[in-house]
Every structure is written in structure tokens, then in C-alpha cells.
Amino acid sequence: MVSPPQVFDPLRLRHVFGAFPSGVAAVAAVVDGAPVGMAVSSFTSVSLDPPLVSVCVAHSSNTWPVLRTAPRLGVSILSAAQERAGRQLAGRGVDRFAELAWRTTGDGAVLLDGAGGWLETSVEQQVRAGDHDIVLLRVHDLDADHDVSPLVFHASRFHRLER
């Protein structure tokens, strides 16, 4: 006999999920002539062949419906020095790109200057998963600087790794 699914308090889930540290990435592109972007802590590698990464996006996001229309998306792996950028890109009702240094690729992906790594991607597939979508992104170009310390998200706060 199969037990009915357990129902958990969302605050308890967030508390336990927050025990797992993750990096922080910015996903951004130019849409209708302006930069559009968001911070994600759910970025992960998926496949080497074909080259795929993923992010998870809440159905409540107002940014993703606009961003997903872009032909190319930039993924910037934020550095420890980019905590302010992480906060801005996670904010609501603010100019997310105010005073941030960024560049675009020829296809409109936005990449943040000073990131520890970057990828130029396009949406490969979107899979509905509960109150989020898992978005698979195909990698078209990339680079990284392993001398740059990453920004880490743990227990609902930003942290830096010690060397």
C-alpha cells in the first residue's frame, strides 16, 4: 500500500532546502532594446553531450515570461564581489541593471563583467515541476576564471568562500 504524499509547511521546506549551499548566477538578455535579468541559485550542469545546463524558475516570476522570448540568454556565475548584483537581480520593482557593468553578445545575451564564469545559451526545453519550471539551456559559448571566488547562497543569505 502506498502512503499518501506528505504535506510540508513551506517555511520548513525552505529552511531545510536552505541547508544546501549553492552558487548564484544571473540569467539575462536584451529584450526589446533593454536588459532583462534575474538571479538564480538553482543553476546546475546537466550534460556534456549535448552541452546543457539548467535553472529552475518559479511560476510566479514576472521576469521569466519576458526573458524566455530572447534568442540567447547569458548566464553569469556571480563572484564573491558581486553580492550587490545578486541582490539587485533578485529584487522586485527596481532597475536591476543600475550601476552594473555588463556586455552583450552578438545574439543579445547579457553577461556581467567580473563574473567567475559565463555561458551563452538558448532555451532547449522547459519542464513543469510543481510550482517551478525546470529550464534546460543549450550552451553555445562559455568561459571561466577559476581564480575568481564565487558568491554562495546558504540559509537564505549570501556568503563568500574563504581561500
C-alpha atoms as a PDB file:
ATOM      1  CA  MET A   1       0.000   0.000   0.000  1.00  0.00           C
ATOM      2  CA  VAL A   2       1.311   3.435  -0.986  1.00  0.00           C
ATOM      3  CA  SER A   3       1.130   6.182   1.616  1.00  0.00           C
ATOM      4  CA  PRO A   4      -0.480   9.480   0.632  1.00  0.00           C
ATOM      5  CA  PRO A   5       2.066  12.204  -0.186  1.00  0.00           C
ATOM      6  CA  GLN A   6       3.375  14.084   2.836  1.00  0.00           C
ATOM      7  CA  VAL A   7       2.368  17.744   3.040  1.00  0.00           C
ATOM      8  CA  PHE A   8       5.108  20.002   4.420  1.00  0.00           C
ATOM      9  CA  ASP A   9       4.945  23.522   5.728  1.00  0.00           C
ATOM     10  CA  PRO A  10       6.571  25.765   3.057  1.00  0.00           C
ATOM     11  CA  LEU A  11       8.680  27.557   5.702  1.00  0.00           C
ATOM     12  CA  ARG A  12      10.029  24.222   6.955  1.00  0.00           C
ATOM     13  CA  LEU A  13      10.841  23.177   3.378  1.00  0.00           C
ATOM     14  CA  ARG A  14      12.636  26.482   2.719  1.00  0.00           C
ATOM     15  CA  HIS A  15      14.584  26.047   5.978  1.00  0.00           C
ATOM     16  CA  VAL A  16      15.772  22.539   5.073  1.00  0.00           C
ATOM     17  CA  PHE A  17      16.413  23.352   1.383  1.00  0.00           C
ATOM     18  CA  GLY A  18      18.495  26.318   2.602  1.00  0.00           C
ATOM     19  CA  ALA A  19      20.915  23.918   4.313  1.00  0.00           C
ATOM     20  CA  PHE A  20      22.318  23.110   0.863  1.00  0.00           C
ATOM     21  CA  PRO A  21      24.724  25.843  -0.302  1.00  0.00           C
ATOM     22  CA  SER A  22      24.624  26.817  -3.947  1.00  0.00           C
ATOM     23  CA  GLY A  23      26.275  29.234  -6.287  1.00  0.00           C
ATOM     24  CA  VAL A  24      24.448  32.240  -7.639  1.00  0.00           C
ATOM     25  CA  ALA A  25      24.027  33.015 -11.317  1.00  0.00           C
ATOM     26  CA  ALA A  26      22.467  35.817 -13.317  1.00  0.00           C
ATOM     27  CA  VAL A  27      20.364  34.906 -16.342  1.00  0.00           C
ATOM     28  CA  ALA A  28      19.963  37.875 -18.668  1.00  0.00           C
ATOM     29  CA  ALA A  29      19.376  39.096 -22.215  1.00  0.00           C
ATOM     30  CA  VAL A  30      18.452  42.192 -24.136  1.00  0.00           C
ATOM     31  CA  VAL A  31      14.711  42.141 -24.908  1.00  0.00           C
ATOM     32  CA  ASP A  32      13.109  44.972 -26.886  1.00  0.00           C
ATOM     33  CA  GLY A  33      16.301  47.024 -26.553  1.00  0.00           C
ATOM     34  CA  ALA A  34      16.638  46.804 -22.760  1.00  0.00           C
ATOM     35  CA  PRO A  35      18.467  44.382 -20.444  1.00  0.00           C
ATOM     36  CA  VAL A  36      16.218  41.923 -18.614  1.00  0.00           C
ATOM     37  CA  GLY A  37      17.591  39.577 -15.995  1.00  0.00           C
ATOM     38  CA  MET A  38      17.182  37.653 -12.787  1.00  0.00           C
ATOM     39  CA  ALA A  39      19.280  35.936 -10.146  1.00  0.00           C
ATOM     40  CA  VAL A  40      19.053  32.155  -9.741  1.00  0.00           C
ATOM     41  CA  SER A  41      20.565  29.822  -7.173  1.00  0.00           C
ATOM     42  CA  SER A  42      19.295  26.705  -8.929  1.00  0.00           C
ATOM     43  CA  PHE A  43      21.867  26.747 -11.749  1.00  0.00           C
ATOM     44  CA  THR A  44      23.464  23.352 -12.414  1.00  0.00           C
ATOM     45  CA  SER A  45      25.309  21.465 -15.107  1.00  0.00           C
ATOM     46  CA  VAL A  46      23.247  18.751 -16.809  1.00  0.00           C
ATOM     47  CA  SER A  47      25.038  17.212 -19.792  1.00  0.00           C
ATOM     48  CA  LEU A  48      28.361  17.341 -21.624  1.00  0.00           C
ATOM     49  CA  ASP A  49      26.978  15.922 -24.884  1.00  0.00           C
ATOM     50  CA  PRO A  50      24.966  17.860 -25.827  1.00  0.00           C
ATOM     51  CA  PRO A  51      26.193  20.712 -23.594  1.00  0.00           C
ATOM     52  CA  LEU A  52      23.254  21.539 -21.312  1.00  0.00           C
ATOM     53  CA  VAL A  53      22.741  23.397 -18.043  1.00  0.00           C
ATOM     54  CA  SER A  54      19.550  24.082 -16.128  1.00  0.00           C
ATOM     55  CA  VAL A  55      17.867  26.668 -13.947  1.00  0.00           C
ATOM     56  CA  CYS A  56      14.587  26.471 -12.065  1.00  0.00           C
ATOM     57  CA  VAL A  57      12.151  29.358 -12.325  1.00  0.00           C
ATOM     58  CA  ALA A  58       9.083  29.949 -10.155  1.00  0.00           C
ATOM     59  CA  HIS A  59       5.754  30.196 -11.945  1.00  0.00           C
ATOM     60  CA  SER A  60       5.260  33.462 -10.036  1.00  0.00           C
ATOM     61  CA  SER A  61       8.222  35.097 -11.829  1.00  0.00           C
ATOM     62  CA  ASN A  62       7.302  38.216 -13.804  1.00  0.00           C
ATOM     63  CA  THR A  63      10.750  38.261 -15.431  1.00  0.00           C
ATOM     64  CA  TRP A  64      10.909  34.779 -16.937  1.00  0.00           C
ATOM     65  CA  PRO A  65       7.963  35.187 -19.368  1.00  0.00           C
ATOM     66  CA  VAL A  66       9.811  38.168 -20.897  1.00  0.00           C
ATOM     67  CA  LEU A  67      13.306  36.673 -20.709  1.00  0.00           C
ATOM     68  CA  ARG A  68      12.410  33.343 -22.295  1.00  0.00           C
ATOM     69  CA  THR A  69      11.484  35.117 -25.553  1.00  0.00           C
ATOM     70  CA  ALA A  70      15.133  36.094 -26.146  1.00  0.00           C
ATOM     71  CA  PRO A  71      17.017  34.019 -28.745  1.00  0.00           C
ATOM     72  CA  ARG A  72      20.093  33.821 -26.463  1.00  0.00           C
ATOM     73  CA  LEU A  73      20.447  34.068 -22.698  1.00  0.00           C
ATOM     74  CA  GLY A  74      23.613  34.943 -20.839  1.00  0.00           C
ATOM     75  CA  VAL A  75      24.375  33.030 -17.653  1.00  0.00           C
ATOM     76  CA  SER A  76      26.921  34.782 -15.441  1.00  0.00           C
ATOM     77  CA  ILE A  77      28.276  32.827 -12.461  1.00  0.00           C
ATOM     78  CA  LEU A  78      28.496  35.575  -9.862  1.00  0.00           C
ATOM     79  CA  SER A  79      31.721  36.238  -8.000  1.00  0.00           C
ATOM     80  CA  ALA A  80      32.058  36.967  -4.290  1.00  0.00           C
ATOM     81  CA  ALA A  81      32.486  40.636  -5.238  1.00  0.00           C
ATOM     82  CA  GLN A  82      29.038  40.674  -6.899  1.00  0.00           C
ATOM     83  CA  GLU A  83      26.745  40.348  -3.886  1.00  0.00           C
ATOM     84  CA  ARG A  84      25.121  43.708  -4.745  1.00  0.00           C
ATOM     85  CA  ALA A  85      24.442  42.457  -8.274  1.00  0.00           C
ATOM     86  CA  GLY A  86      22.863  39.308  -6.827  1.00  0.00           C
ATOM     87  CA  ARG A  87      20.578  41.376  -4.602  1.00  0.00           C
ATOM     88  CA  GLN A  88      19.614  43.766  -7.413  1.00  0.00           C
ATOM     89  CA  LEU A  89      18.853  40.967  -9.846  1.00  0.00           C
ATOM     90  CA  ALA A  90      16.689  39.230  -7.236  1.00  0.00           C
ATOM     91  CA  GLY A  91      14.810  42.440  -6.410  1.00  0.00           C
ATOM     92  CA  ARG A  92      11.341  43.472  -7.488  1.00  0.00           C
ATOM     93  CA  GLY A  93      10.378  46.927  -8.711  1.00  0.00           C
ATOM     94  CA  VAL A  94      13.986  48.119  -9.092  1.00  0.00           C
ATOM     95  CA  ASP A  95      16.266  48.833 -12.029  1.00  0.00           C
ATOM     96  CA  ARG A  96      18.097  45.527 -11.876  1.00  0.00           C
ATOM     97  CA  PHE A  97      20.965  46.771 -14.050  1.00  0.00           C
ATOM     98  CA  ALA A  98      21.565  50.173 -12.375  1.00  0.00           C
ATOM     99  CA  GLU A  99      25.314  50.710 -11.985  1.00  0.00           C
ATOM    100  CA  LEU A 100      26.140  47.129 -13.060  1.00  0.00           C
ATOM    101  CA  ALA A 101      28.846  46.613 -15.667  1.00  0.00           C
ATOM    102  CA  TRP A 102      27.699  44.267 -18.427  1.00  0.00           C
ATOM    103  CA  ARG A 103      28.144  43.462 -22.086  1.00  0.00           C
ATOM    104  CA  THR A 104      26.098  41.740 -24.761  1.00  0.00           C
ATOM    105  CA  THR A 105      26.986  39.034 -27.221  1.00  0.00           C
ATOM    106  CA  GLY A 106      26.141  39.397 -30.907  1.00  0.00           C
ATOM    107  CA  ASP A 107      22.892  37.497 -30.291  1.00  0.00           C
ATOM    108  CA  GLY A 108      21.762  39.623 -27.321  1.00  0.00           C
ATOM    109  CA  ALA A 109      22.832  37.536 -24.329  1.00  0.00           C
ATOM    110  CA  VAL A 110      23.800  39.786 -21.389  1.00  0.00           C
ATOM    111  CA  LEU A 111      26.937  38.861 -19.423  1.00  0.00           C
ATOM    112  CA  LEU A 112      28.021  40.615 -16.228  1.00  0.00           C
ATOM    113  CA  ASP A 113      31.582  41.890 -16.049  1.00  0.00           C
ATOM    114  CA  GLY A 114      33.587  40.393 -13.165  1.00  0.00           C
ATOM    115  CA  ALA A 115      31.723  37.075 -13.080  1.00  0.00           C
ATOM    116  CA  GLY A 116      33.714  33.930 -12.344  1.00  0.00           C
ATOM    117  CA  GLY A 117      32.304  32.245 -15.420  1.00  0.00           C
ATOM    118  CA  TRP A 118      29.809  32.821 -18.174  1.00  0.00           C
ATOM    119  CA  LEU A 119      27.788  30.875 -20.711  1.00  0.00           C
ATOM    120  CA  GLU A 120      25.851  31.965 -23.777  1.00  0.00           C
ATOM    121  CA  THR A 121      22.779  29.727 -24.003  1.00  0.00           C
ATOM    122  CA  SER A 122      19.376  29.228 -25.591  1.00  0.00           C
ATOM    123  CA  VAL A 123      16.253  27.566 -24.212  1.00  0.00           C
ATOM    124  CA  GLU A 124      16.287  23.881 -25.178  1.00  0.00           C
ATOM    125  CA  GLN A 125      13.302  22.644 -23.163  1.00  0.00           C
ATOM    126  CA  GLN A 126      11.056  23.671 -20.310  1.00  0.00           C
ATOM    127  CA  VAL A 127       9.576  21.086 -17.936  1.00  0.00           C
ATOM    128  CA  ARG A 128       6.784  21.867 -15.474  1.00  0.00           C
ATOM    129  CA  ALA A 129       7.744  20.725 -11.958  1.00  0.00           C
ATOM    130  CA  GLY A 130       5.397  21.698  -9.140  1.00  0.00           C
ATOM    131  CA  ASP A 131       5.390  25.471  -8.643  1.00  0.00           C
ATOM    132  CA  HIS A 132       8.515  25.899 -10.808  1.00  0.00           C
ATOM    133  CA  ASP A 133       9.688  25.109 -14.324  1.00  0.00           C
ATOM    134  CA  ILE A 134      12.977  23.333 -14.939  1.00  0.00           C
ATOM    135  CA  VAL A 135      14.550  25.143 -17.874  1.00  0.00           C
ATOM    136  CA  LEU A 136      17.167  23.272 -19.877  1.00  0.00           C
ATOM    137  CA  LEU A 137      19.583  25.613 -21.632  1.00  0.00           C
ATOM    138  CA  ARG A 138      21.864  24.621 -24.529  1.00  0.00           C
ATOM    139  CA  VAL A 139      25.363  26.060 -24.226  1.00  0.00           C
ATOM    140  CA  HIS A 140      26.737  27.846 -27.323  1.00  0.00           C
ATOM    141  CA  ASP A 141      29.836  29.515 -25.841  1.00  0.00           C
ATOM    142  CA  LEU A 142      31.458  29.754 -22.414  1.00  0.00           C
ATOM    143  CA  ASP A 143      34.496  30.673 -20.357  1.00  0.00           C
ATOM    144  CA  ALA A 144      35.599  30.778 -16.712  1.00  0.00           C
ATOM    145  CA  ASP A 145      38.259  32.215 -14.425  1.00  0.00           C
ATOM    146  CA  HIS A 146      38.898  29.827 -11.527  1.00  0.00           C
ATOM    147  CA  ASP A 147      40.941  32.499  -9.714  1.00  0.00           C
ATOM    148  CA  VAL A 148      37.694  34.395  -9.062  1.00  0.00           C
ATOM    149  CA  SER A 149      35.954  33.358  -5.813  1.00  0.00           C
ATOM    150  CA  PRO A 150      32.251  32.510  -6.181  1.00  0.00           C
ATOM    151  CA  LEU A 151      29.249  34.038  -4.460  1.00  0.00           C
ATOM    152  CA  VAL A 152      27.434  31.390  -2.406  1.00  0.00           C
ATOM    153  CA  PHE A 153      23.818  31.296  -1.211  1.00  0.00           C
ATOM    154  CA  HIS A 154      23.185  29.386   2.043  1.00  0.00           C
ATOM    155  CA  ALA A 155      20.473  29.655   4.706  1.00  0.00           C
ATOM    156  CA  SER A 156      18.774  32.469   2.740  1.00  0.00           C
ATOM    157  CA  ARG A 157      21.898  34.655   2.797  1.00  0.00           C
ATOM    158  CA  PHE A 158      24.853  35.416   0.555  1.00  0.00           C
ATOM    159  CA  HIS A 159      28.293  34.178   1.655  1.00  0.00           C
ATOM    160  CA  ARG A 160      31.855  34.094   0.373  1.00  0.00           C
ATOM    161  CA  LEU A 161      34.192  31.133   0.391  1.00  0.00           C
ATOM    162  CA  GLU A 162      37.446  31.502   2.324  1.00  0.00           C
ATOM    163  CA  ARG A 163      40.629  30.605   0.481  1.00  0.00           C
END
